[in-house]
Every structure is written in C-alpha cells, then in structure tokens.
PDB file of N, CA and C in Angstrom:
ATOM      1  N   MET A   1     -69.381 -59.110  36.784  1.00  0.00           N
ATOM      2  CA  MET A   1     -67.940 -59.237  36.889  1.00  0.00           C
ATOM      3  C   MET A   1     -67.283 -58.013  36.247  1.00  0.00           C
ATOM      4  N   LYS A   2     -66.266 -57.522  36.902  1.00  0.00           N
ATOM      5  CA  LYS A   2     -65.560 -56.340  36.416  1.00  0.00           C
ATOM      6  C   LYS A   2     -64.721 -56.662  35.182  1.00  0.00           C
ATOM      7  N   ARG A   3     -64.526 -55.639  34.380  1.00  0.00           N
ATOM      8  CA  ARG A   3     -63.757 -55.785  33.132  1.00  0.00           C
ATOM      9  C   ARG A   3     -62.348 -56.328  33.387  1.00  0.00           C
ATOM     10  N   GLU A   4     -61.674 -55.812  34.417  1.00  0.00           N
ATOM     11  CA  GLU A   4     -60.308 -56.242  34.716  1.00  0.00           C
ATOM     12  C   GLU A   4     -60.265 -57.707  35.166  1.00  0.00           C
ATOM     13  N   GLU A   5     -61.275 -58.139  35.894  1.00  0.00           N
ATOM     14  CA  GLU A   5     -61.360 -59.557  36.295  1.00  0.00           C
ATOM     15  C   GLU A   5     -61.465 -60.443  35.053  1.00  0.00           C
ATOM     16  N   LYS A   6     -62.317 -60.018  34.112  1.00  0.00           N
ATOM     17  CA  LYS A   6     -62.463 -60.783  32.867  1.00  0.00           C
ATOM     18  C   LYS A   6     -61.151 -60.839  32.095  1.00  0.00           C
ATOM     19  N   LYS A   7     -60.401 -59.742  32.101  1.00  0.00           N
ATOM     20  CA  LYS A   7     -59.121 -59.709  31.399  1.00  0.00           C
ATOM     21  C   LYS A   7     -58.198 -60.796  31.926  1.00  0.00           C
ATOM     22  N   TYR A   8     -58.100 -60.919  33.248  1.00  0.00           N
ATOM     23  CA  TYR A   8     -57.224 -61.942  33.832  1.00  0.00           C
ATOM     24  C   TYR A   8     -57.749 -63.350  33.541  1.00  0.00           C
ATOM     25  N   LEU A   9     -59.060 -63.519  33.565  1.00  0.00           N
ATOM     26  CA  LEU A   9     -59.624 -64.826  33.211  1.00  0.00           C
ATOM     27  C   LEU A   9     -59.306 -65.171  31.761  1.00  0.00           C
ATOM     28  N   PHE A  10     -59.421 -64.190  30.865  1.00  0.00           N
ATOM     29  CA  PHE A  10     -59.063 -64.417  29.460  1.00  0.00           C
ATOM     30  C   PHE A  10     -57.576 -64.728  29.314  1.00  0.00           C
ATOM     31  N   ASP A  11     -56.732 -64.071  30.081  1.00  0.00           N
ATOM     32  CA  ASP A  11     -55.292 -64.362  30.030  1.00  0.00           C
ATOM     33  C   ASP A  11     -55.018 -65.817  30.428  1.00  0.00           C
ATOM     34  N   ILE A  12     -55.692 -66.267  31.466  1.00  0.00           N
ATOM     35  CA  ILE A  12     -55.523 -67.658  31.912  1.00  0.00           C
ATOM     36  C   ILE A  12     -55.991 -68.608  30.820  1.00  0.00           C
ATOM     37  N   LEU A  13     -57.182 -68.363  30.302  1.00  0.00           N
ATOM     38  CA  LEU A  13     -57.739 -69.239  29.274  1.00  0.00           C
ATOM     39  C   LEU A  13     -56.876 -69.252  28.020  1.00  0.00           C
ATOM     40  N   GLU A  14     -56.397 -68.088  27.608  1.00  0.00           N
ATOM     41  CA  GLU A  14     -55.541 -68.010  26.431  1.00  0.00           C
ATOM     42  C   GLU A  14     -54.255 -68.823  26.620  1.00  0.00           C
ATOM     43  N   SER A  15     -53.652 -68.724  27.792  1.00  0.00           N
ATOM     44  CA  SER A  15     -52.418 -69.482  28.041  1.00  0.00           C
ATOM     45  C   SER A  15     -52.675 -70.978  28.039  1.00  0.00           C
ATOM     46  N   ILE A  16     -53.802 -71.401  28.588  1.00  0.00           N
ATOM     47  CA  ILE A  16     -54.143 -72.826  28.545  1.00  0.00           C
ATOM     48  C   ILE A  16     -54.334 -73.268  27.098  1.00  0.00           C
ATOM     49  N   ASP A  17     -55.051 -72.473  26.318  1.00  0.00           N
ATOM     50  CA  ASP A  17     -55.261 -72.811  24.903  1.00  0.00           C
ATOM     51  C   ASP A  17     -53.938 -72.896  24.149  1.00  0.00           C
ATOM     52  N   VAL A  18     -53.033 -71.980  24.424  1.00  0.00           N
ATOM     53  CA  VAL A  18     -51.724 -71.985  23.759  1.00  0.00           C
ATOM     54  C   VAL A  18     -50.942 -73.245  24.153  1.00  0.00           C
ATOM     55  N   ILE A  19     -50.976 -73.599  25.421  1.00  0.00           N
ATOM     56  CA  ILE A  19     -50.296 -74.821  25.868  1.00  0.00           C
ATOM     57  C   ILE A  19     -50.865 -76.028  25.137  1.00  0.00           C
ATOM     58  N   GLU A  20     -52.176 -76.073  24.987  1.00  0.00           N
ATOM     59  CA  GLU A  20     -52.795 -77.189  24.262  1.00  0.00           C
ATOM     60  C   GLU A  20     -52.321 -77.249  22.816  1.00  0.00           C
ATOM     61  N   VAL A  21     -52.174 -76.107  22.179  1.00  0.00           N
ATOM     62  CA  VAL A  21     -51.655 -76.061  20.806  1.00  0.00           C
ATOM     63  C   VAL A  21     -50.216 -76.567  20.771  1.00  0.00           C
ATOM     64  N   TYR A  22     -49.410 -76.092  21.709  1.00  0.00           N
ATOM     65  CA  TYR A  22     -48.011 -76.535  21.776  1.00  0.00           C
ATOM     66  C   TYR A  22     -47.903 -78.045  21.907  1.00  0.00           C
ATOM     67  N   LEU A  23     -48.845 -78.630  22.625  1.00  0.00           N
ATOM     68  CA  LEU A  23     -48.783 -80.071  22.917  1.00  0.00           C
ATOM     69  C   LEU A  23     -49.530 -80.933  21.902  1.00  0.00           C
ATOM     70  N   LYS A  24     -50.063 -80.311  20.879  1.00  0.00           N
ATOM     71  CA  LYS A  24     -50.900 -81.033  19.912  1.00  0.00           C
ATOM     72  C   LYS A  24     -50.217 -82.283  19.355  1.00  0.00           C
ATOM     73  N   ASN A  25     -48.950 -82.184  19.027  1.00  0.00           N
ATOM     74  CA  ASN A  25     -48.238 -83.326  18.446  1.00  0.00           C
ATOM     75  C   ASN A  25     -47.299 -84.023  19.428  1.00  0.00           C
ATOM     76  N   VAL A  26     -47.419 -83.685  20.688  1.00  0.00           N
ATOM     77  CA  VAL A  26     -46.608 -84.319  21.726  1.00  0.00           C
ATOM     78  C   VAL A  26     -47.442 -85.450  22.312  1.00  0.00           C
ATOM     79  N   LEU A  27     -47.056 -86.659  21.997  1.00  0.00           N
ATOM     80  CA  LEU A  27     -47.881 -87.800  22.369  1.00  0.00           C
ATOM     81  C   LEU A  27     -47.477 -88.442  23.684  1.00  0.00           C
ATOM     82  N   THR A  28     -46.221 -88.268  24.076  1.00  0.00           N
ATOM     83  CA  THR A  28     -45.744 -88.956  25.273  1.00  0.00           C
ATOM     84  C   THR A  28     -44.938 -88.019  26.164  1.00  0.00           C
ATOM     85  N   TYR A  29     -44.769 -88.445  27.386  1.00  0.00           N
ATOM     86  CA  TYR A  29     -43.921 -87.724  28.339  1.00  0.00           C
ATOM     87  C   TYR A  29     -42.498 -87.641  27.803  1.00  0.00           C
ATOM     88  N   LYS A  30     -42.041 -88.703  27.165  1.00  0.00           N
ATOM     89  CA  LYS A  30     -40.688 -88.724  26.608  1.00  0.00           C
ATOM     90  C   LYS A  30     -40.520 -87.639  25.535  1.00  0.00           C
ATOM     91  N   ASP A  31     -41.537 -87.466  24.704  1.00  0.00           N
ATOM     92  CA  ASP A  31     -41.506 -86.391  23.699  1.00  0.00           C
ATOM     93  C   ASP A  31     -41.338 -85.034  24.376  1.00  0.00           C
ATOM     94  N   PHE A  32     -42.056 -84.843  25.461  1.00  0.00           N
ATOM     95  CA  PHE A  32     -41.995 -83.587  26.199  1.00  0.00           C
ATOM     96  C   PHE A  32     -40.623 -83.377  26.825  1.00  0.00           C
ATOM     97  N   VAL A  33     -40.107 -84.402  27.457  1.00  0.00           N
ATOM     98  CA  VAL A  33     -38.806 -84.325  28.130  1.00  0.00           C
ATOM     99  C   VAL A  33     -37.686 -84.016  27.145  1.00  0.00           C
ATOM    100  N   ASN A  34     -37.806 -84.505  25.930  1.00  0.00           N
ATOM    101  CA  ASN A  34     -36.754 -84.339  24.929  1.00  0.00           C
ATOM    102  C   ASN A  34     -36.842 -83.024  24.149  1.00  0.00           C
ATOM    103  N   ASP A  35     -37.761 -82.153  24.514  1.00  0.00           N
ATOM    104  CA  ASP A  35     -37.935 -80.895  23.779  1.00  0.00           C
ATOM    105  C   ASP A  35     -37.798 -79.705  24.730  1.00  0.00           C
ATOM    106  N   GLN A  36     -36.593 -79.206  24.880  1.00  0.00           N
ATOM    107  CA  GLN A  36     -36.318 -78.110  25.811  1.00  0.00           C
ATOM    108  C   GLN A  36     -37.069 -76.831  25.440  1.00  0.00           C
ATOM    109  N   MET A  37     -37.156 -76.539  24.154  1.00  0.00           N
ATOM    110  CA  MET A  37     -37.852 -75.336  23.734  1.00  0.00           C
ATOM    111  C   MET A  37     -39.338 -75.408  24.122  1.00  0.00           C
ATOM    112  N   LEU A  38     -39.937 -76.556  23.961  1.00  0.00           N
ATOM    113  CA  LEU A  38     -41.331 -76.757  24.349  1.00  0.00           C
ATOM    114  C   LEU A  38     -41.500 -76.570  25.857  1.00  0.00           C
ATOM    115  N   GLN A  39     -40.594 -77.136  26.631  1.00  0.00           N
ATOM    116  CA  GLN A  39     -40.649 -76.976  28.085  1.00  0.00           C
ATOM    117  C   GLN A  39     -40.560 -75.501  28.459  1.00  0.00           C
ATOM    118  N   ASP A  40     -39.643 -74.786  27.831  1.00  0.00           N
ATOM    119  CA  ASP A  40     -39.476 -73.362  28.119  1.00  0.00           C
ATOM    120  C   ASP A  40     -40.747 -72.583  27.779  1.00  0.00           C
ATOM    121  N   ALA A  41     -41.344 -72.877  26.643  1.00  0.00           N
ATOM    122  CA  ALA A  41     -42.553 -72.169  26.213  1.00  0.00           C
ATOM    123  C   ALA A  41     -43.711 -72.449  27.168  1.00  0.00           C
ATOM    124  N   ILE A  42     -43.841 -73.681  27.574  1.00  0.00           N
ATOM    125  CA  ILE A  42     -44.943 -74.039  28.463  1.00  0.00           C
ATOM    126  C   ILE A  42     -44.739 -73.465  29.855  1.00  0.00           C
ATOM    127  N   THR A  43     -43.520 -73.511  30.364  1.00  0.00           N
ATOM    128  CA  THR A  43     -43.306 -72.941  31.694  1.00  0.00           C
ATOM    129  C   THR A  43     -43.554 -71.433  31.687  1.00  0.00           C
ATOM    130  N   ARG A  44     -43.258 -70.764  30.590  1.00  0.00           N
ATOM    131  CA  ARG A  44     -43.575 -69.330  30.485  1.00  0.00           C
ATOM    132  C   ARG A  44     -45.077 -69.120  30.567  1.00  0.00           C
ATOM    133  N   ARG A  45     -45.832 -69.935  29.878  1.00  0.00           N
ATOM    134  CA  ARG A  45     -47.299 -69.823  29.914  1.00  0.00           C
ATOM    135  C   ARG A  45     -47.838 -70.144  31.306  1.00  0.00           C
ATOM    136  N   LEU A  46     -47.207 -71.070  32.004  1.00  0.00           N
ATOM    137  CA  LEU A  46     -47.623 -71.374  33.381  1.00  0.00           C
ATOM    138  C   LEU A  46     -47.329 -70.190  34.304  1.00  0.00           C
ATOM    139  N   GLU A  47     -46.247 -69.482  34.045  1.00  0.00           N
ATOM    140  CA  GLU A  47     -45.962 -68.254  34.798  1.00  0.00           C
ATOM    141  C   GLU A  47     -47.055 -67.219  34.576  1.00  0.00           C
ATOM    142  N   ILE A  48     -47.485 -67.069  33.338  1.00  0.00           N
ATOM    143  CA  ILE A  48     -48.547 -66.119  33.014  1.00  0.00           C
ATOM    144  C   ILE A  48     -49.832 -66.507  33.728  1.00  0.00           C
ATOM    145  N   ILE A  49     -50.159 -67.786  33.713  1.00  0.00           N
ATOM    146  CA  ILE A  49     -51.347 -68.268  34.417  1.00  0.00           C
ATOM    147  C   ILE A  49     -51.248 -67.937  35.905  1.00  0.00           C
ATOM    148  N   GLY A  50     -50.097 -68.170  36.480  1.00  0.00           N
ATOM    149  CA  GLY A  50     -49.901 -67.887  37.898  1.00  0.00           C
ATOM    150  C   GLY A  50     -50.041 -66.411  38.217  1.00  0.00           C
ATOM    151  N   GLU A  51     -49.412 -65.568  37.417  1.00  0.00           N
ATOM    152  CA  GLU A  51     -49.484 -64.126  37.651  1.00  0.00           C
ATOM    153  C   GLU A  51     -50.909 -63.617  37.455  1.00  0.00           C
ATOM    154  N   ALA A  52     -51.592 -64.087  36.434  1.00  0.00           N
ATOM    155  CA  ALA A  52     -52.977 -63.677  36.205  1.00  0.00           C
ATOM    156  C   ALA A  52     -53.870 -64.123  37.368  1.00  0.00           C
ATOM    157  N   THR A  53     -53.608 -65.299  37.904  1.00  0.00           N
ATOM    158  CA  THR A  53     -54.372 -65.787  39.053  1.00  0.00           C
ATOM    159  C   THR A  53     -54.125 -64.902  40.275  1.00  0.00           C
ATOM    160  N   ILE A  54     -52.875 -64.547  40.509  1.00  0.00           N
ATOM    161  CA  ILE A  54     -52.536 -63.670  41.630  1.00  0.00           C
ATOM    162  C   ILE A  54     -53.288 -62.343  41.504  1.00  0.00           C
ATOM    163  N   GLN A  55     -53.225 -61.725  40.329  1.00  0.00           N
ATOM    164  CA  GLN A  55     -53.871 -60.428  40.120  1.00  0.00           C
ATOM    165  C   GLN A  55     -55.396 -60.534  40.206  1.00  0.00           C
ATOM    166  N   LEU A  56     -55.950 -61.603  39.653  1.00  0.00           N
ATOM    167  CA  LEU A  56     -57.396 -61.822  39.687  1.00  0.00           C
ATOM    168  C   LEU A  56     -57.900 -61.916  41.121  1.00  0.00           C
ATOM    169  N   LEU A  57     -57.215 -62.686  41.939  1.00  0.00           N
ATOM    170  CA  LEU A  57     -57.658 -62.881  43.317  1.00  0.00           C
ATOM    171  C   LEU A  57     -57.399 -61.653  44.187  1.00  0.00           C
ATOM    172  N   LYS A  58     -56.466 -60.797  43.785  1.00  0.00           N
ATOM    173  CA  LYS A  58     -56.311 -59.509  44.468  1.00  0.00           C
ATOM    174  C   LYS A  58     -57.538 -58.631  44.224  1.00  0.00           C
ATOM    175  N   LEU A  59     -58.055 -58.707  43.005  1.00  0.00           N
ATOM    176  CA  LEU A  59     -59.241 -57.923  42.660  1.00  0.00           C
ATOM    177  C   LEU A  59     -60.504 -58.476  43.302  1.00  0.00           C
ATOM    178  N   ASN A  60     -60.594 -59.806  43.344  1.00  0.00           N
ATOM    179  CA  ASN A  60     -61.817 -60.439  43.852  1.00  0.00           C
ATOM    180  C   ASN A  60     -61.463 -61.763  44.521  1.00  0.00           C
ATOM    181  N   SER A  61     -61.355 -61.727  45.821  1.00  0.00           N
ATOM    182  CA  SER A  61     -60.985 -62.935  46.570  1.00  0.00           C
ATOM    183  C   SER A  61     -62.129 -63.939  46.656  1.00  0.00           C
ATOM    184  N   GLU A  62     -63.307 -63.552  46.188  1.00  0.00           N
ATOM    185  CA  GLU A  62     -64.467 -64.455  46.206  1.00  0.00           C
ATOM    186  C   GLU A  62     -64.453 -65.437  45.026  1.00  0.00           C
ATOM    187  N   ILE A  63     -63.631 -65.173  44.043  1.00  0.00           N
ATOM    188  CA  ILE A  63     -63.538 -66.089  42.903  1.00  0.00           C
ATOM    189  C   ILE A  63     -62.841 -67.363  43.371  1.00  0.00           C
ATOM    190  N   HIS A  64     -63.455 -68.495  43.057  1.00  0.00           N
ATOM    191  CA  HIS A  64     -62.900 -69.779  43.486  1.00  0.00           C
ATOM    192  C   HIS A  64     -62.117 -70.413  42.336  1.00  0.00           C
ATOM    193  N   ILE A  65     -60.849 -70.567  42.548  1.00  0.00           N
ATOM    194  CA  ILE A  65     -59.970 -71.272  41.614  1.00  0.00           C
ATOM    195  C   ILE A  65     -59.357 -72.433  42.388  1.00  0.00           C
ATOM    196  N   THR A  66     -59.652 -73.654  41.955  1.00  0.00           N
ATOM    197  CA  THR A  66     -59.100 -74.839  42.604  1.00  0.00           C
ATOM    198  C   THR A  66     -57.579 -74.753  42.614  1.00  0.00           C
ATOM    199  N   ASP A  67     -56.998 -75.051  43.753  1.00  0.00           N
ATOM    200  CA  ASP A  67     -55.539 -75.063  43.914  1.00  0.00           C
ATOM    201  C   ASP A  67     -54.891 -73.721  43.615  1.00  0.00           C
ATOM    202  N   ASN A  68     -55.588 -72.622  43.920  1.00  0.00           N
ATOM    203  CA  ASN A  68     -55.016 -71.310  43.606  1.00  0.00           C
ATOM    204  C   ASN A  68     -53.700 -71.076  44.336  1.00  0.00           C
ATOM    205  N   ARG A  69     -53.546 -71.619  45.524  1.00  0.00           N
ATOM    206  CA  ARG A  69     -52.264 -71.459  46.234  1.00  0.00           C
ATOM    207  C   ARG A  69     -51.142 -72.193  45.512  1.00  0.00           C
ATOM    208  N   LYS A  70     -51.457 -73.367  44.979  1.00  0.00           N
ATOM    209  CA  LYS A  70     -50.442 -74.111  44.223  1.00  0.00           C
ATOM    210  C   LYS A  70     -50.092 -73.391  42.926  1.00  0.00           C
ATOM    211  N   ILE A  71     -51.095 -72.805  42.293  1.00  0.00           N
ATOM    212  CA  ILE A  71     -50.858 -72.063  41.047  1.00  0.00           C
ATOM    213  C   ILE A  71     -49.935 -70.877  41.319  1.00  0.00           C
ATOM    214  N   LYS A  72     -50.246 -70.135  42.378  1.00  0.00           N
ATOM    215  CA  LYS A  72     -49.418 -68.976  42.733  1.00  0.00           C
ATOM    216  C   LYS A  72     -48.018 -69.426  43.154  1.00  0.00           C
ATOM    217  N   GLY A  73     -47.951 -70.527  43.891  1.00  0.00           N
ATOM    218  CA  GLY A  73     -46.656 -71.041  44.325  1.00  0.00           C
ATOM    219  C   GLY A  73     -45.804 -71.501  43.150  1.00  0.00           C
ATOM    220  N   LEU A  74     -46.434 -72.149  42.176  1.00  0.00           N
ATOM    221  CA  LEU A  74     -45.705 -72.576  40.977  1.00  0.00           C
ATOM    222  C   LEU A  74     -45.168 -71.367  40.229  1.00  0.00           C
ATOM    223  N   ARG A  75     -45.968 -70.332  40.107  1.00  0.00           N
ATOM    224  CA  ARG A  75     -45.505 -69.119  39.427  1.00  0.00           C
ATOM    225  C   ARG A  75     -44.261 -68.566  40.106  1.00  0.00           C
ATOM    226  N   ASN A  76     -44.281 -68.523  41.427  1.00  0.00           N
ATOM    227  CA  ASN A  76     -43.132 -67.998  42.159  1.00  0.00           C
ATOM    228  C   ASN A  76     -41.910 -68.896  42.003  1.00  0.00           C
ATOM    229  N   ARG A  77     -42.120 -70.184  42.015  1.00  0.00           N
ATOM    230  CA  ARG A  77     -41.001 -71.113  41.824  1.00  0.00           C
ATOM    231  C   ARG A  77     -40.429 -71.010  40.420  1.00  0.00           C
ATOM    232  N   LEU A  78     -41.293 -70.887  39.417  1.00  0.00           N
ATOM    233  CA  LEU A  78     -40.811 -70.746  38.040  1.00  0.00           C
ATOM    234  C   LEU A  78     -40.011 -69.461  37.866  1.00  0.00           C
ATOM    235  N   ALA A  79     -40.441 -68.408  38.545  1.00  0.00           N
ATOM    236  CA  ALA A  79     -39.768 -67.117  38.406  1.00  0.00           C
ATOM    237  C   ALA A  79     -38.507 -67.009  39.247  1.00  0.00           C
ATOM    238  N   HIS A  80     -38.506 -67.628  40.429  1.00  0.00           N
ATOM    239  CA  HIS A  80     -37.415 -67.391  41.372  1.00  0.00           C
ATOM    240  C   HIS A  80     -36.603 -68.628  41.742  1.00  0.00           C
ATOM    241  N   GLU A  81     -37.183 -69.789  41.589  1.00  0.00           N
ATOM    242  CA  GLU A  81     -36.487 -71.033  41.953  1.00  0.00           C
ATOM    243  C   GLU A  81     -36.549 -72.021  40.794  1.00  0.00           C
ATOM    244  N   TYR A  82     -36.364 -71.493  39.592  1.00  0.00           N
ATOM    245  CA  TYR A  82     -36.508 -72.275  38.370  1.00  0.00           C
ATOM    246  C   TYR A  82     -35.657 -73.535  38.353  1.00  0.00           C
ATOM    247  N   ASP A  83     -34.533 -73.499  39.051  1.00  0.00           N
ATOM    248  CA  ASP A  83     -33.641 -74.662  39.061  1.00  0.00           C
ATOM    249  C   ASP A  83     -34.177 -75.788  39.945  1.00  0.00           C
ATOM    250  N   MET A  84     -35.247 -75.526  40.678  1.00  0.00           N
ATOM    251  CA  MET A  84     -35.828 -76.533  41.568  1.00  0.00           C
ATOM    252  C   MET A  84     -37.041 -77.222  40.939  1.00  0.00           C
ATOM    253  N   ILE A  85     -37.415 -76.808  39.745  1.00  0.00           N
ATOM    254  CA  ILE A  85     -38.598 -77.362  39.082  1.00  0.00           C
ATOM    255  C   ILE A  85     -38.252 -78.705  38.448  1.00  0.00           C
ATOM    256  N   LYS A  86     -39.099 -79.670  38.694  1.00  0.00           N
ATOM    257  CA  LYS A  86     -38.937 -80.991  38.080  1.00  0.00           C
ATOM    258  C   LYS A  86     -39.890 -81.093  36.900  1.00  0.00           C
ATOM    259  N   ILE A  87     -39.369 -81.542  35.785  1.00  0.00           N
ATOM    260  CA  ILE A  87     -40.161 -81.568  34.561  1.00  0.00           C
ATOM    261  C   ILE A  87     -41.344 -82.521  34.670  1.00  0.00           C
ATOM    262  N   ASP A  88     -41.218 -83.589  35.456  1.00  0.00           N
ATOM    263  CA  ASP A  88     -42.357 -84.490  35.630  1.00  0.00           C
ATOM    264  C   ASP A  88     -43.497 -83.795  36.374  1.00  0.00           C
ATOM    265  N   GLU A  89     -43.171 -82.861  37.240  1.00  0.00           N
ATOM    266  CA  GLU A  89     -44.188 -82.076  37.944  1.00  0.00           C
ATOM    267  C   GLU A  89     -44.967 -81.206  36.945  1.00  0.00           C
ATOM    268  N   ILE A  90     -44.248 -80.605  36.016  1.00  0.00           N
ATOM    269  CA  ILE A  90     -44.888 -79.784  34.990  1.00  0.00           C
ATOM    270  C   ILE A  90     -45.817 -80.645  34.134  1.00  0.00           C
ATOM    271  N   TRP A  91     -45.375 -81.824  33.775  1.00  0.00           N
ATOM    272  CA  TRP A  91     -46.180 -82.738  32.959  1.00  0.00           C
ATOM    273  C   TRP A  91     -47.488 -83.087  33.675  1.00  0.00           C
ATOM    274  N   VAL A  92     -47.410 -83.387  34.955  1.00  0.00           N
ATOM    275  CA  VAL A  92     -48.603 -83.735  35.736  1.00  0.00           C
ATOM    276  C   VAL A  92     -49.560 -82.540  35.797  1.00  0.00           C
ATOM    277  N   ILE A  93     -49.021 -81.358  35.988  1.00  0.00           N
ATOM    278  CA  ILE A  93     -49.858 -80.155  36.023  1.00  0.00           C
ATOM    279  C   ILE A  93     -50.585 -79.977  34.696  1.00  0.00           C
ATOM    280  N   ILE A  94     -49.860 -80.145  33.608  1.00  0.00           N
ATOM    281  CA  ILE A  94     -50.445 -79.999  32.276  1.00  0.00           C
ATOM    282  C   ILE A  94     -51.587 -80.995  32.071  1.00  0.00           C
ATOM    283  N   LYS A  95     -51.349 -82.219  32.437  1.00  0.00           N
ATOM    284  CA  LYS A  95     -52.312 -83.282  32.167  1.00  0.00           C
ATOM    285  C   LYS A  95     -53.483 -83.322  33.141  1.00  0.00           C
ATOM    286  N   ARG A  96     -53.243 -82.998  34.406  1.00  0.00           N
ATOM    287  CA  ARG A  96     -54.293 -83.143  35.422  1.00  0.00           C
ATOM    288  C   ARG A  96     -54.946 -81.829  35.836  1.00  0.00           C
ATOM    289  N   SER A  97     -54.153 -80.818  36.039  1.00  0.00           N
ATOM    290  CA  SER A  97     -54.679 -79.583  36.637  1.00  0.00           C
ATOM    291  C   SER A  97     -55.225 -78.585  35.618  1.00  0.00           C
ATOM    292  N   LEU A  98     -54.577 -78.460  34.471  1.00  0.00           N
ATOM    293  CA  LEU A  98     -55.026 -77.463  33.498  1.00  0.00           C
ATOM    294  C   LEU A  98     -56.443 -77.701  32.987  1.00  0.00           C
ATOM    295  N   PRO A  99     -56.859 -78.956  32.746  1.00  0.00           N
ATOM    296  CA  PRO A  99     -58.248 -79.150  32.310  1.00  0.00           C
ATOM    297  C   PRO A  99     -59.269 -78.665  33.348  1.00  0.00           C
ATOM    298  N   ILE A 100     -58.976 -78.849  34.618  1.00  0.00           N
ATOM    299  CA  ILE A 100     -59.868 -78.384  35.685  1.00  0.00           C
ATOM    300  C   ILE A 100     -59.901 -76.864  35.698  1.00  0.00           C
ATOM    301  N   LEU A 101     -58.731 -76.253  35.627  1.00  0.00           N
ATOM    302  CA  LEU A 101     -58.644 -74.791  35.625  1.00  0.00           C
ATOM    303  C   LEU A 101     -59.388 -74.213  34.425  1.00  0.00           C
ATOM    304  N   LYS A 102     -59.219 -74.820  33.279  1.00  0.00           N
ATOM    305  CA  LYS A 102     -59.886 -74.335  32.065  1.00  0.00           C
ATOM    306  C   LYS A 102     -61.401 -74.365  32.234  1.00  0.00           C
ATOM    307  N   GLN A 103     -61.910 -75.428  32.794  1.00  0.00           N
ATOM    308  CA  GLN A 103     -63.347 -75.553  33.013  1.00  0.00           C
ATOM    309  C   GLN A 103     -63.853 -74.475  33.984  1.00  0.00           C
ATOM    310  N   GLU A 104     -63.124 -74.240  35.059  1.00  0.00           N
ATOM    311  CA  GLU A 104     -63.527 -73.223  36.034  1.00  0.00           C
ATOM    312  C   GLU A 104     -63.522 -71.827  35.406  1.00  0.00           C
ATOM    313  N   VAL A 105     -62.480 -71.520  34.662  1.00  0.00           N
ATOM    314  CA  VAL A 105     -62.374 -70.194  34.035  1.00  0.00           C
ATOM    315  C   VAL A 105     -63.505 -69.994  33.035  1.00  0.00           C
ATOM    316  N   ARG A 106     -63.790 -71.007  32.243  1.00  0.00           N
ATOM    317  CA  ARG A 106     -64.885 -70.905  31.275  1.00  0.00           C
ATOM    318  C   ARG A 106     -66.228 -70.653  31.967  1.00  0.00           C
ATOM    319  N   GLN A 107     -66.449 -71.306  33.098  1.00  0.00           N
ATOM    320  CA  GLN A 107     -67.684 -71.102  33.840  1.00  0.00           C
ATOM    321  C   GLN A 107     -67.828 -69.654  34.282  1.00  0.00           C
ATOM    322  N   TYR A 108     -66.741 -69.059  34.771  1.00  0.00           N
ATOM    323  CA  TYR A 108     -66.805 -67.656  35.168  1.00  0.00           C
ATOM    324  C   TYR A 108     -67.041 -66.749  33.976  1.00  0.00           C
ATOM    325  N   LEU A 109     -66.418 -67.037  32.874  1.00  0.00           N
ATOM    326  CA  LEU A 109     -66.580 -66.192  31.695  1.00  0.00           C
ATOM    327  C   LEU A 109     -67.964 -66.348  31.066  1.00  0.00           C
ATOM    328  N   ASP A 110     -68.561 -67.512  31.207  1.00  0.00           N
ATOM    329  CA  ASP A 110     -69.890 -67.752  30.639  1.00  0.00           C
ATOM    330  C   ASP A 110     -71.003 -67.103  31.464  1.00  0.00           C
ATOM    331  N   ASN A 111     -70.705 -66.802  32.723  1.00  0.00           N
ATOM    332  CA  ASN A 111     -71.736 -66.193  33.597  1.00  0.00           C
ATOM    333  C   ASN A 111     -71.725 -64.697  33.532  1.00  0.00           C
TER     334      ASN A 111
END
C-alpha cells in the first residue's frame, strides 16, 4: 500500500477515534440532540472522513469501503447542503456505520 493511501486511512481512523472520545459521556440520543457544539464537532469529523474517503478512492479504486458512495454523499451534503441534514441521520451513522468503517480501515492498515 502506498504511503499516501495509508495517510488517508489514518485520517479516517483518527476521525472515528475522535468521534468516539467526543461521545464517551453521551449516553442517549437526547443528550446528543441537546448539544449543538457536539453535533458541530462530529459533523466536521464526518466531513473529514468523507473527504479522506474521496481522496483514498481516487488513488486506489480497488480499496473496498462499505457504503463509500454514501460516505462521499454525506460529505458533500455536510459541506454544501448542511441545512438538509437531519440530526437523527447523523446519530444512526455514528452508531451503525462508523464501527463497520473502523473495522475495514483497521484491516487495511494491518495488512
């Protein structure tokens, strides 16, 4: 794997780890909804994940990232259609999709 590919994988993994830290004391969806600063911080990290995914797949389209089109689409929506984002959608992504993405990225970095 090329050095630049690893850089983008590390960027994705780092953002997931940071999101997990941010959510350490957030126990419920209601806690998340009531914290605008937390939402802003997490959506920024999701933008980074999306951009890193876009750049990674430009370098190597053979890398398999589950839901990469959704990841790229979310990045574009966060950057350009931010007023159309529903916070419950972000919560579902955090809880369901990020653990899968983290596992895939770790597998690539471990090989």
